[in-house]
Amino acid sequence: MTTTPQRRAAIADAAIATLAAEGMRGLTHRAVDRRAGLPEGSSSYYFRTRQALLEATVQRLSTLDDQMVAPMSAKPRVEDLPDLLTGMIEFSVTTGRDWAIARYELSLEATRRPELRAVLLAVGKRYRDLAVAMLTEAGASDPERQGQDLVAYADGLIFDTVAGAGGREFDRAGVRKSVVELLDQAIPGFRS
């Protein structure tokens, strides 16, 4: 028997898949029910409004991301940072591609919905804080700014790979080299 938390997670997972496949305009309770293989009305039972469904989707993406960034939260060694960051970027453009596309759909929608923007900002702050903490621990010269820039670099690279007009293909060695260069500029004496 499916518990309420499991059902909510399944609905949010279906919403992520719907956003990735059909975009924001295709995200309806009915479309989510179909994608989840649930009887019509199931998702609206758990998430009465579209806003509630959107917020649940953001929270689910956050939970999934937390699982992915767990190794980075465990205070990794400085020399492991390039491989960890490169791995996160690679995951986001391959296995987690739907998550990335859904996040960008939600981000664009949040420019017109302050209540959704507040939820996205709170989630995004955790990852920026993590980057700042890692760079602080590693002895970066300006960890606040450099942590923000590191997240922006990763986000921009992910966007360009999954949705950008540049048609960029993921190049693990090239991304790792860029990450090393960024870290080398941020952390005195860093070279991996």
N, C-alpha and C. Protein backbone atom coordinates (compact mmCIF):
# COMPACT_ATOMS: atom_id res chain seq x y z
N MET A 1 0.84 -1.18 0.00
CA MET A 1 0.00 0.00 0.00
C MET A 1 0.89 1.25 0.00
N THR A 2 0.56 2.21 -0.82
CA THR A 2 1.33 3.43 -0.93
C THR A 2 0.95 4.40 0.18
N THR A 3 1.96 4.91 0.88
CA THR A 3 1.69 5.89 1.94
C THR A 3 1.53 7.27 1.32
N THR A 4 0.99 8.18 2.10
CA THR A 4 0.80 9.55 1.62
C THR A 4 2.12 10.18 1.18
N PRO A 5 3.22 10.08 1.97
CA PRO A 5 4.49 10.67 1.50
C PRO A 5 4.98 10.04 0.19
N GLN A 6 4.81 8.73 0.05
CA GLN A 6 5.22 8.07 -1.20
C GLN A 6 4.36 8.54 -2.37
N ARG A 7 3.09 8.68 -2.16
CA ARG A 7 2.18 9.15 -3.21
C ARG A 7 2.53 10.58 -3.61
N ARG A 8 2.79 11.43 -2.61
CA ARG A 8 3.16 12.81 -2.90
C ARG A 8 4.46 12.87 -3.70
N ALA A 9 5.44 12.04 -3.33
CA ALA A 9 6.72 12.00 -4.05
C ALA A 9 6.50 11.51 -5.48
N ALA A 10 5.66 10.50 -5.66
CA ALA A 10 5.38 9.97 -7.00
C ALA A 10 4.70 11.03 -7.87
N ILE A 11 3.81 11.79 -7.29
CA ILE A 11 3.14 12.86 -8.03
C ILE A 11 4.14 13.95 -8.41
N ALA A 12 4.99 14.33 -7.46
CA ALA A 12 6.01 15.34 -7.76
C ALA A 12 6.98 14.84 -8.81
N ASP A 13 7.36 13.57 -8.76
CA ASP A 13 8.24 12.99 -9.79
C ASP A 13 7.56 13.06 -11.16
N ALA A 14 6.27 12.77 -11.19
CA ALA A 14 5.53 12.85 -12.45
C ALA A 14 5.44 14.29 -12.94
N ALA A 15 5.34 15.23 -12.01
CA ALA A 15 5.32 16.65 -12.40
C ALA A 15 6.67 17.06 -13.00
N ILE A 16 7.77 16.57 -12.43
CA ILE A 16 9.10 16.85 -12.98
C ILE A 16 9.19 16.31 -14.40
N ALA A 17 8.77 15.07 -14.59
CA ALA A 17 8.81 14.46 -15.92
C ALA A 17 7.90 15.20 -16.90
N THR A 18 6.75 15.65 -16.44
CA THR A 18 5.82 16.40 -17.29
C THR A 18 6.43 17.73 -17.70
N LEU A 19 7.04 18.43 -16.75
CA LEU A 19 7.70 19.70 -17.08
C LEU A 19 8.80 19.49 -18.11
N ALA A 20 9.59 18.45 -17.93
CA ALA A 20 10.70 18.20 -18.86
C ALA A 20 10.20 17.84 -20.25
N ALA A 21 9.10 17.12 -20.32
CA ALA A 21 8.59 16.66 -21.62
C ALA A 21 7.67 17.67 -22.29
N GLU A 22 6.86 18.38 -21.51
CA GLU A 22 5.81 19.21 -22.09
C GLU A 22 5.92 20.70 -21.75
N GLY A 23 6.84 21.05 -20.86
CA GLY A 23 6.99 22.45 -20.49
C GLY A 23 5.94 22.89 -19.50
N MET A 24 6.02 24.15 -19.12
CA MET A 24 5.12 24.71 -18.12
C MET A 24 3.67 24.68 -18.59
N ARG A 25 3.44 24.92 -19.87
CA ARG A 25 2.05 24.92 -20.36
C ARG A 25 1.42 23.54 -20.30
N GLY A 26 2.25 22.51 -20.36
CA GLY A 26 1.72 21.15 -20.32
C GLY A 26 1.52 20.61 -18.91
N LEU A 27 1.95 21.37 -17.92
CA LEU A 27 1.84 20.91 -16.53
C LEU A 27 0.43 21.19 -16.00
N THR A 28 -0.37 20.16 -15.99
CA THR A 28 -1.72 20.23 -15.42
C THR A 28 -1.87 19.05 -14.47
N HIS A 29 -2.83 19.15 -13.59
CA HIS A 29 -3.10 18.02 -12.69
C HIS A 29 -3.42 16.76 -13.51
N ARG A 30 -4.20 16.94 -14.53
CA ARG A 30 -4.60 15.80 -15.37
C ARG A 30 -3.39 15.16 -16.06
N ALA A 31 -2.48 15.99 -16.59
CA ALA A 31 -1.28 15.47 -17.25
C ALA A 31 -0.38 14.73 -16.26
N VAL A 32 -0.29 15.27 -15.05
CA VAL A 32 0.52 14.61 -14.02
C VAL A 32 -0.10 13.28 -13.62
N ASP A 33 -1.43 13.25 -13.49
CA ASP A 33 -2.10 11.99 -13.17
C ASP A 33 -1.81 10.93 -14.24
N ARG A 34 -1.91 11.33 -15.50
CA ARG A 34 -1.64 10.39 -16.60
C ARG A 34 -0.21 9.87 -16.53
N ARG A 35 0.74 10.79 -16.37
CA ARG A 35 2.15 10.39 -16.36
C ARG A 35 2.45 9.49 -15.17
N ALA A 36 1.80 9.73 -14.04
CA ALA A 36 2.02 8.92 -12.85
C ALA A 36 1.24 7.62 -12.88
N GLY A 37 0.34 7.47 -13.85
CA GLY A 37 -0.49 6.28 -13.93
C GLY A 37 -1.51 6.21 -12.81
N LEU A 38 -2.00 7.38 -12.41
CA LEU A 38 -2.97 7.47 -11.31
C LEU A 38 -4.34 7.83 -11.83
N PRO A 39 -5.38 7.50 -11.09
CA PRO A 39 -6.72 7.91 -11.50
C PRO A 39 -6.82 9.43 -11.56
N GLU A 40 -7.62 9.91 -12.50
CA GLU A 40 -7.82 11.34 -12.64
C GLU A 40 -8.31 11.93 -11.33
N GLY A 41 -7.74 13.05 -10.95
CA GLY A 41 -8.10 13.73 -9.71
C GLY A 41 -7.14 13.43 -8.56
N SER A 42 -6.23 12.47 -8.75
CA SER A 42 -5.32 12.09 -7.66
C SER A 42 -4.39 13.23 -7.28
N SER A 43 -3.75 13.85 -8.28
CA SER A 43 -2.78 14.90 -7.93
C SER A 43 -3.48 16.12 -7.34
N SER A 44 -4.69 16.42 -7.81
CA SER A 44 -5.39 17.57 -7.23
C SER A 44 -5.91 17.26 -5.83
N TYR A 45 -6.07 16.00 -5.48
CA TYR A 45 -6.43 15.63 -4.12
C TYR A 45 -5.29 16.00 -3.16
N TYR A 46 -4.05 15.71 -3.57
CA TYR A 46 -2.89 15.99 -2.73
C TYR A 46 -2.41 17.43 -2.84
N PHE A 47 -2.54 18.01 -4.02
CA PHE A 47 -2.07 19.38 -4.27
C PHE A 47 -3.22 20.12 -4.95
N ARG A 48 -4.04 20.78 -4.14
CA ARG A 48 -5.30 21.36 -4.61
C ARG A 48 -5.14 22.38 -5.72
N THR A 49 -4.10 23.18 -5.66
CA THR A 49 -3.93 24.25 -6.64
C THR A 49 -2.68 23.99 -7.48
N ARG A 50 -2.60 24.69 -8.58
CA ARG A 50 -1.41 24.59 -9.43
C ARG A 50 -0.19 25.08 -8.66
N GLN A 51 -0.38 26.14 -7.88
CA GLN A 51 0.72 26.67 -7.07
C GLN A 51 1.22 25.61 -6.10
N ALA A 52 0.32 24.89 -5.46
CA ALA A 52 0.73 23.83 -4.53
C ALA A 52 1.50 22.73 -5.27
N LEU A 53 1.07 22.40 -6.48
CA LEU A 53 1.77 21.40 -7.29
C LEU A 53 3.16 21.91 -7.67
N LEU A 54 3.26 23.18 -8.05
CA LEU A 54 4.56 23.76 -8.40
C LEU A 54 5.50 23.75 -7.20
N GLU A 55 5.00 24.15 -6.04
CA GLU A 55 5.83 24.17 -4.84
C GLU A 55 6.27 22.76 -4.45
N ALA A 56 5.39 21.80 -4.58
CA ALA A 56 5.76 20.41 -4.28
C ALA A 56 6.84 19.92 -5.24
N THR A 57 6.76 20.36 -6.48
CA THR A 57 7.76 19.97 -7.47
C THR A 57 9.12 20.57 -7.12
N VAL A 58 9.13 21.83 -6.71
CA VAL A 58 10.39 22.47 -6.30
C VAL A 58 10.97 21.73 -5.09
N GLN A 59 10.11 21.41 -4.12
CA GLN A 59 10.59 20.72 -2.93
C GLN A 59 11.13 19.32 -3.27
N ARG A 60 10.48 18.64 -4.20
CA ARG A 60 10.95 17.31 -4.61
C ARG A 60 12.30 17.42 -5.31
N LEU A 61 12.45 18.40 -6.18
CA LEU A 61 13.75 18.61 -6.83
C LEU A 61 14.82 18.88 -5.77
N SER A 62 14.46 19.64 -4.76
CA SER A 62 15.40 19.93 -3.68
C SER A 62 15.82 18.65 -2.95
N THR A 63 14.85 17.79 -2.67
CA THR A 63 15.15 16.52 -2.00
C THR A 63 16.06 15.66 -2.86
N LEU A 64 15.77 15.58 -4.15
CA LEU A 64 16.61 14.79 -5.06
C LEU A 64 18.01 15.38 -5.15
N ASP A 65 18.09 16.71 -5.21
CA ASP A 65 19.40 17.38 -5.25
C ASP A 65 20.18 17.13 -3.97
N ASP A 66 19.50 17.15 -2.83
CA ASP A 66 20.18 16.89 -1.56
C ASP A 66 20.87 15.54 -1.57
N GLN A 67 20.22 14.55 -2.16
CA GLN A 67 20.81 13.23 -2.25
C GLN A 67 22.07 13.26 -3.12
N MET A 68 22.02 14.07 -4.18
CA MET A 68 23.15 14.15 -5.09
C MET A 68 24.33 14.90 -4.46
N VAL A 69 24.06 15.95 -3.70
CA VAL A 69 25.15 16.76 -3.15
C VAL A 69 25.61 16.28 -1.78
N ALA A 70 25.05 15.20 -1.29
CA ALA A 70 25.44 14.69 0.03
C ALA A 70 26.95 14.51 0.16
N PRO A 71 27.66 13.97 -0.84
CA PRO A 71 29.11 13.84 -0.69
C PRO A 71 29.82 15.18 -0.50
N MET A 72 29.25 16.24 -1.06
CA MET A 72 29.89 17.55 -0.93
C MET A 72 29.59 18.16 0.44
N SER A 73 28.50 17.76 1.04
CA SER A 73 28.14 18.28 2.35
C SER A 73 29.00 17.67 3.45
N ALA A 74 29.69 16.60 3.14
CA ALA A 74 30.49 15.88 4.13
C ALA A 74 31.91 16.42 4.22
N LYS A 75 32.13 17.69 3.89
CA LYS A 75 33.43 18.34 3.93
C LYS A 75 34.48 17.53 3.16
N PRO A 76 34.36 17.54 1.84
CA PRO A 76 35.33 16.78 1.04
C PRO A 76 36.72 17.42 1.12
N ARG A 77 37.71 16.63 0.78
CA ARG A 77 39.07 17.16 0.70
C ARG A 77 39.13 18.13 -0.48
N VAL A 78 39.94 19.15 -0.36
CA VAL A 78 40.06 20.17 -1.40
C VAL A 78 40.39 19.53 -2.74
N GLU A 79 41.28 18.58 -2.74
CA GLU A 79 41.70 17.95 -4.00
C GLU A 79 40.58 17.14 -4.66
N ASP A 80 39.53 16.84 -3.92
CA ASP A 80 38.40 16.10 -4.49
C ASP A 80 37.37 17.02 -5.15
N LEU A 81 37.46 18.32 -4.90
CA LEU A 81 36.44 19.26 -5.39
C LEU A 81 36.28 19.22 -6.92
N PRO A 82 37.35 19.21 -7.71
CA PRO A 82 37.13 19.19 -9.17
C PRO A 82 36.32 17.99 -9.64
N ASP A 83 36.63 16.81 -9.11
CA ASP A 83 35.88 15.62 -9.54
C ASP A 83 34.45 15.64 -9.03
N LEU A 84 34.23 16.12 -7.81
CA LEU A 84 32.87 16.20 -7.28
C LEU A 84 32.03 17.19 -8.09
N LEU A 85 32.57 18.38 -8.35
CA LEU A 85 31.82 19.38 -9.11
C LEU A 85 31.58 18.92 -10.54
N THR A 86 32.60 18.35 -11.16
CA THR A 86 32.44 17.86 -12.53
C THR A 86 31.39 16.75 -12.57
N GLY A 87 31.41 15.88 -11.57
CA GLY A 87 30.42 14.81 -11.50
C GLY A 87 29.00 15.33 -11.35
N MET A 88 28.84 16.38 -10.54
CA MET A 88 27.50 16.97 -10.38
C MET A 88 27.01 17.57 -11.69
N ILE A 89 27.90 18.26 -12.40
CA ILE A 89 27.52 18.86 -13.67
C ILE A 89 27.18 17.76 -14.68
N GLU A 90 28.01 16.73 -14.71
CA GLU A 90 27.75 15.62 -15.64
C GLU A 90 26.41 14.95 -15.34
N PHE A 91 26.12 14.72 -14.08
CA PHE A 91 24.84 14.13 -13.71
C PHE A 91 23.69 14.99 -14.22
N SER A 92 23.82 16.31 -14.05
CA SER A 92 22.74 17.23 -14.42
C SER A 92 22.48 17.27 -15.92
N VAL A 93 23.46 16.95 -16.73
CA VAL A 93 23.25 16.99 -18.18
C VAL A 93 23.01 15.60 -18.78
N THR A 94 23.07 14.57 -17.94
CA THR A 94 22.83 13.20 -18.42
C THR A 94 21.66 12.60 -17.65
N THR A 95 21.94 11.85 -16.64
CA THR A 95 20.91 11.16 -15.85
C THR A 95 19.88 12.12 -15.27
N GLY A 96 20.33 13.27 -14.78
CA GLY A 96 19.43 14.24 -14.16
C GLY A 96 18.95 15.33 -15.11
N ARG A 97 19.02 15.06 -16.41
CA ARG A 97 18.63 16.07 -17.41
C ARG A 97 17.20 16.56 -17.21
N ASP A 98 16.27 15.65 -16.95
CA ASP A 98 14.88 16.06 -16.71
C ASP A 98 14.78 16.99 -15.51
N TRP A 99 15.57 16.73 -14.47
CA TRP A 99 15.55 17.59 -13.29
C TRP A 99 15.99 18.99 -13.68
N ALA A 100 17.06 19.07 -14.49
CA ALA A 100 17.58 20.38 -14.90
C ALA A 100 16.54 21.14 -15.72
N ILE A 101 15.93 20.46 -16.68
CA ILE A 101 14.93 21.12 -17.53
C ILE A 101 13.75 21.59 -16.69
N ALA A 102 13.28 20.74 -15.79
CA ALA A 102 12.16 21.12 -14.93
C ALA A 102 12.53 22.33 -14.07
N ARG A 103 13.75 22.34 -13.56
CA ARG A 103 14.20 23.47 -12.73
C ARG A 103 14.22 24.77 -13.54
N TYR A 104 14.66 24.70 -14.79
CA TYR A 104 14.68 25.91 -15.62
C TYR A 104 13.26 26.36 -15.95
N GLU A 105 12.37 25.42 -16.22
CA GLU A 105 10.96 25.78 -16.45
C GLU A 105 10.40 26.50 -15.22
N LEU A 106 10.67 25.95 -14.05
CA LEU A 106 10.18 26.55 -12.81
C LEU A 106 10.82 27.91 -12.56
N SER A 107 12.09 28.03 -12.88
CA SER A 107 12.79 29.31 -12.67
C SER A 107 12.20 30.41 -13.53
N LEU A 108 11.89 30.08 -14.78
CA LEU A 108 11.28 31.08 -15.66
C LEU A 108 9.88 31.45 -15.16
N GLU A 109 9.12 30.46 -14.74
CA GLU A 109 7.78 30.72 -14.21
C GLU A 109 7.86 31.60 -12.95
N ALA A 110 8.91 31.40 -12.16
CA ALA A 110 9.06 32.15 -10.91
C ALA A 110 9.32 33.64 -11.15
N THR A 111 9.72 34.01 -12.35
CA THR A 111 9.91 35.44 -12.63
C THR A 111 8.57 36.17 -12.64
N ARG A 112 7.48 35.42 -12.79
CA ARG A 112 6.14 36.01 -12.81
C ARG A 112 5.31 35.64 -11.58
N ARG A 113 5.84 34.79 -10.73
CA ARG A 113 5.12 34.34 -9.53
C ARG A 113 6.00 34.53 -8.30
N PRO A 114 5.83 35.63 -7.60
CA PRO A 114 6.69 35.89 -6.43
C PRO A 114 6.66 34.78 -5.38
N GLU A 115 5.50 34.15 -5.21
CA GLU A 115 5.40 33.09 -4.19
C GLU A 115 6.23 31.88 -4.58
N LEU A 116 6.32 31.57 -5.87
CA LEU A 116 7.15 30.47 -6.33
C LEU A 116 8.62 30.87 -6.28
N ARG A 117 8.89 32.11 -6.61
CA ARG A 117 10.27 32.61 -6.56
C ARG A 117 10.83 32.49 -5.15
N ALA A 118 10.02 32.79 -4.16
CA ALA A 118 10.48 32.69 -2.77
C ALA A 118 10.90 31.27 -2.43
N VAL A 119 10.15 30.29 -2.90
CA VAL A 119 10.48 28.88 -2.65
C VAL A 119 11.77 28.52 -3.37
N LEU A 120 11.90 28.91 -4.62
CA LEU A 120 13.12 28.61 -5.40
C LEU A 120 14.35 29.28 -4.78
N LEU A 121 14.21 30.52 -4.34
CA LEU A 121 15.34 31.21 -3.75
C LEU A 121 15.81 30.52 -2.47
N ALA A 122 14.87 30.06 -1.67
CA ALA A 122 15.23 29.37 -0.43
C ALA A 122 15.99 28.08 -0.73
N VAL A 123 15.54 27.35 -1.74
CA VAL A 123 16.21 26.11 -2.12
C VAL A 123 17.59 26.43 -2.70
N GLY A 124 17.66 27.39 -3.60
CA GLY A 124 18.93 27.76 -4.23
C GLY A 124 19.95 28.28 -3.24
N LYS A 125 19.49 28.95 -2.21
CA LYS A 125 20.40 29.49 -1.20
C LYS A 125 21.19 28.39 -0.52
N ARG A 126 20.58 27.24 -0.33
CA ARG A 126 21.30 26.13 0.32
C ARG A 126 22.51 25.73 -0.49
N TYR A 127 22.37 25.68 -1.81
CA TYR A 127 23.49 25.25 -2.65
C TYR A 127 24.56 26.32 -2.73
N ARG A 128 24.15 27.57 -2.74
CA ARG A 128 25.13 28.66 -2.74
C ARG A 128 25.87 28.70 -1.40
N ASP A 129 25.14 28.49 -0.33
CA ASP A 129 25.77 28.44 0.99
C ASP A 129 26.76 27.28 1.08
N LEU A 130 26.42 26.15 0.49
CA LEU A 130 27.32 25.00 0.48
C LEU A 130 28.61 25.33 -0.27
N ALA A 131 28.48 25.98 -1.43
CA ALA A 131 29.66 26.36 -2.21
C ALA A 131 30.52 27.34 -1.42
N VAL A 132 29.89 28.31 -0.78
CA VAL A 132 30.64 29.29 0.03
C VAL A 132 31.35 28.58 1.18
N ALA A 133 30.65 27.67 1.85
CA ALA A 133 31.25 26.95 2.97
C ALA A 133 32.44 26.10 2.51
N MET A 134 32.30 25.43 1.37
CA MET A 134 33.41 24.61 0.86
C MET A 134 34.62 25.48 0.53
N LEU A 135 34.38 26.62 -0.11
CA LEU A 135 35.49 27.50 -0.46
C LEU A 135 36.10 28.17 0.77
N THR A 136 35.28 28.47 1.76
CA THR A 136 35.79 29.02 3.01
C THR A 136 36.71 28.00 3.67
N GLU A 137 36.24 26.77 3.76
CA GLU A 137 37.02 25.68 4.37
C GLU A 137 38.33 25.45 3.62
N ALA A 138 38.30 25.65 2.30
CA ALA A 138 39.50 25.42 1.48
C ALA A 138 40.45 26.61 1.48
N GLY A 139 40.05 27.73 2.11
CA GLY A 139 40.92 28.88 2.21
C GLY A 139 40.83 29.85 1.04
N ALA A 140 39.67 29.90 0.38
CA ALA A 140 39.51 30.82 -0.76
C ALA A 140 39.67 32.26 -0.30
N SER A 141 40.13 33.10 -1.23
CA SER A 141 40.42 34.50 -0.90
C SER A 141 39.15 35.34 -0.70
N ASP A 142 38.07 35.02 -1.41
CA ASP A 142 36.80 35.75 -1.30
C ASP A 142 35.66 34.72 -1.47
N PRO A 143 35.49 33.85 -0.49
CA PRO A 143 34.58 32.71 -0.66
C PRO A 143 33.14 33.07 -0.96
N GLU A 144 32.66 34.18 -0.42
CA GLU A 144 31.26 34.57 -0.67
C GLU A 144 31.03 34.81 -2.16
N ARG A 145 31.85 35.66 -2.75
CA ARG A 145 31.71 35.98 -4.18
C ARG A 145 32.08 34.77 -5.04
N GLN A 146 33.17 34.11 -4.69
CA GLN A 146 33.64 32.99 -5.51
C GLN A 146 32.69 31.80 -5.44
N GLY A 147 32.07 31.59 -4.30
CA GLY A 147 31.08 30.50 -4.20
C GLY A 147 29.87 30.78 -5.07
N GLN A 148 29.40 32.03 -5.05
CA GLN A 148 28.28 32.43 -5.92
C GLN A 148 28.66 32.23 -7.38
N ASP A 149 29.88 32.66 -7.74
CA ASP A 149 30.34 32.53 -9.12
C ASP A 149 30.47 31.08 -9.55
N LEU A 150 30.93 30.23 -8.64
CA LEU A 150 31.09 28.82 -8.96
C LEU A 150 29.74 28.18 -9.27
N VAL A 151 28.74 28.50 -8.47
CA VAL A 151 27.39 27.98 -8.71
C VAL A 151 26.84 28.53 -10.04
N ALA A 152 27.07 29.81 -10.29
CA ALA A 152 26.60 30.42 -11.55
C ALA A 152 27.28 29.77 -12.75
N TYR A 153 28.57 29.48 -12.63
CA TYR A 153 29.29 28.81 -13.72
C TYR A 153 28.65 27.44 -13.99
N ALA A 154 28.47 26.66 -12.93
CA ALA A 154 27.91 25.33 -13.10
C ALA A 154 26.50 25.40 -13.70
N ASP A 155 25.69 26.31 -13.18
CA ASP A 155 24.32 26.45 -13.67
C ASP A 155 24.31 26.87 -15.14
N GLY A 156 25.17 27.82 -15.49
CA GLY A 156 25.24 28.27 -16.88
C GLY A 156 25.70 27.18 -17.82
N LEU A 157 26.67 26.40 -17.40
CA LEU A 157 27.16 25.29 -18.22
C LEU A 157 26.07 24.23 -18.41
N ILE A 158 25.35 23.94 -17.33
CA ILE A 158 24.25 22.97 -17.42
C ILE A 158 23.19 23.49 -18.37
N PHE A 159 22.81 24.75 -18.20
CA PHE A 159 21.79 25.33 -19.08
C PHE A 159 22.23 25.28 -20.54
N ASP A 160 23.46 25.69 -20.81
CA ASP A 160 23.95 25.71 -22.18
C ASP A 160 23.97 24.31 -22.79
N THR A 161 24.24 23.31 -21.97
CA THR A 161 24.29 21.94 -22.47
C THR A 161 22.90 21.36 -22.73
N VAL A 162 21.96 21.59 -21.80
CA VAL A 162 20.64 20.97 -21.97
C VAL A 162 19.66 21.81 -22.77
N ALA A 163 19.85 23.13 -22.81
CA ALA A 163 18.84 23.97 -23.44
C ALA A 163 19.40 25.10 -24.29
N GLY A 164 20.68 25.34 -24.21
CA GLY A 164 21.26 26.49 -24.88
C GLY A 164 21.31 26.37 -26.38
N ALA A 165 21.40 27.52 -27.02
CA ALA A 165 21.45 27.57 -28.47
C ALA A 165 22.83 27.22 -29.01
N GLY A 166 23.82 27.10 -28.12
CA GLY A 166 25.17 26.80 -28.57
C GLY A 166 25.38 25.36 -28.99
N GLY A 167 24.45 24.50 -28.66
CA GLY A 167 24.58 23.09 -29.03
C GLY A 167 25.79 22.41 -28.41
N ARG A 168 26.15 22.85 -27.21
CA ARG A 168 27.32 22.31 -26.53
C ARG A 168 27.11 20.84 -26.17
N GLU A 169 28.13 20.05 -26.41
CA GLU A 169 28.15 18.66 -25.96
C GLU A 169 28.95 18.62 -24.66
N PHE A 170 28.57 17.76 -23.76
CA PHE A 170 29.29 17.66 -22.50
C PHE A 170 30.66 17.05 -22.75
N ASP A 171 31.70 17.71 -22.25
CA ASP A 171 33.08 17.26 -22.36
C ASP A 171 33.64 17.21 -20.95
N ARG A 172 33.67 16.00 -20.37
CA ARG A 172 34.07 15.85 -18.97
C ARG A 172 35.46 16.43 -18.71
N ALA A 173 36.42 16.11 -19.57
CA ALA A 173 37.79 16.60 -19.36
C ALA A 173 37.84 18.12 -19.44
N GLY A 174 37.12 18.70 -20.39
CA GLY A 174 37.10 20.15 -20.53
C GLY A 174 36.44 20.84 -19.35
N VAL A 175 35.35 20.25 -18.87
CA VAL A 175 34.66 20.83 -17.70
C VAL A 175 35.55 20.73 -16.47
N ARG A 176 36.18 19.58 -16.29
CA ARG A 176 37.07 19.43 -15.13
C ARG A 176 38.20 20.45 -15.19
N LYS A 177 38.76 20.66 -16.36
CA LYS A 177 39.83 21.63 -16.53
C LYS A 177 39.35 23.04 -16.14
N SER A 178 38.14 23.40 -16.58
CA SER A 178 37.58 24.71 -16.23
C SER A 178 37.34 24.83 -14.73
N VAL A 179 36.85 23.78 -14.11
CA VAL A 179 36.61 23.79 -12.66
C VAL A 179 37.94 23.97 -11.93
N VAL A 180 38.98 23.24 -12.37
CA VAL A 180 40.30 23.38 -11.75
C VAL A 180 40.79 24.83 -11.89
N GLU A 181 40.61 25.42 -13.06
CA GLU A 181 41.04 26.81 -13.28
C GLU A 181 40.29 27.76 -12.36
N LEU A 182 38.98 27.55 -12.20
CA LEU A 182 38.21 28.41 -11.29
C LEU A 182 38.68 28.25 -9.86
N LEU A 183 38.89 27.01 -9.44
CA LEU A 183 39.34 26.77 -8.07
C LEU A 183 40.76 27.30 -7.86
N ASP A 184 41.59 27.20 -8.88
CA ASP A 184 42.96 27.70 -8.78
C ASP A 184 42.97 29.22 -8.59
N GLN A 185 42.03 29.90 -9.19
CA GLN A 185 41.93 31.35 -9.01
C GLN A 185 41.38 31.70 -7.63
N ALA A 186 40.51 30.85 -7.12
CA ALA A 186 39.84 31.14 -5.84
C ALA A 186 40.67 30.75 -4.63
N ILE A 187 41.40 29.63 -4.72
CA ILE A 187 42.08 29.07 -3.56
C ILE A 187 43.59 29.19 -3.74
N PRO A 188 44.22 29.99 -2.92
CA PRO A 188 45.67 30.14 -3.03
C PRO A 188 46.40 28.80 -2.91
N GLY A 189 47.25 28.51 -3.88
CA GLY A 189 48.03 27.27 -3.83
C GLY A 189 47.29 26.05 -4.31
N PHE A 190 46.07 26.22 -4.80
CA PHE A 190 45.32 25.06 -5.27
C PHE A 190 45.81 24.67 -6.66
N ARG A 191 46.00 23.39 -6.86
CA ARG A 191 46.28 22.85 -8.20
C ARG A 191 46.02 21.37 -8.12
N SER A 192 45.07 20.91 -8.92
CA SER A 192 44.73 19.49 -8.90
C SER A 192 44.98 18.89 -10.25
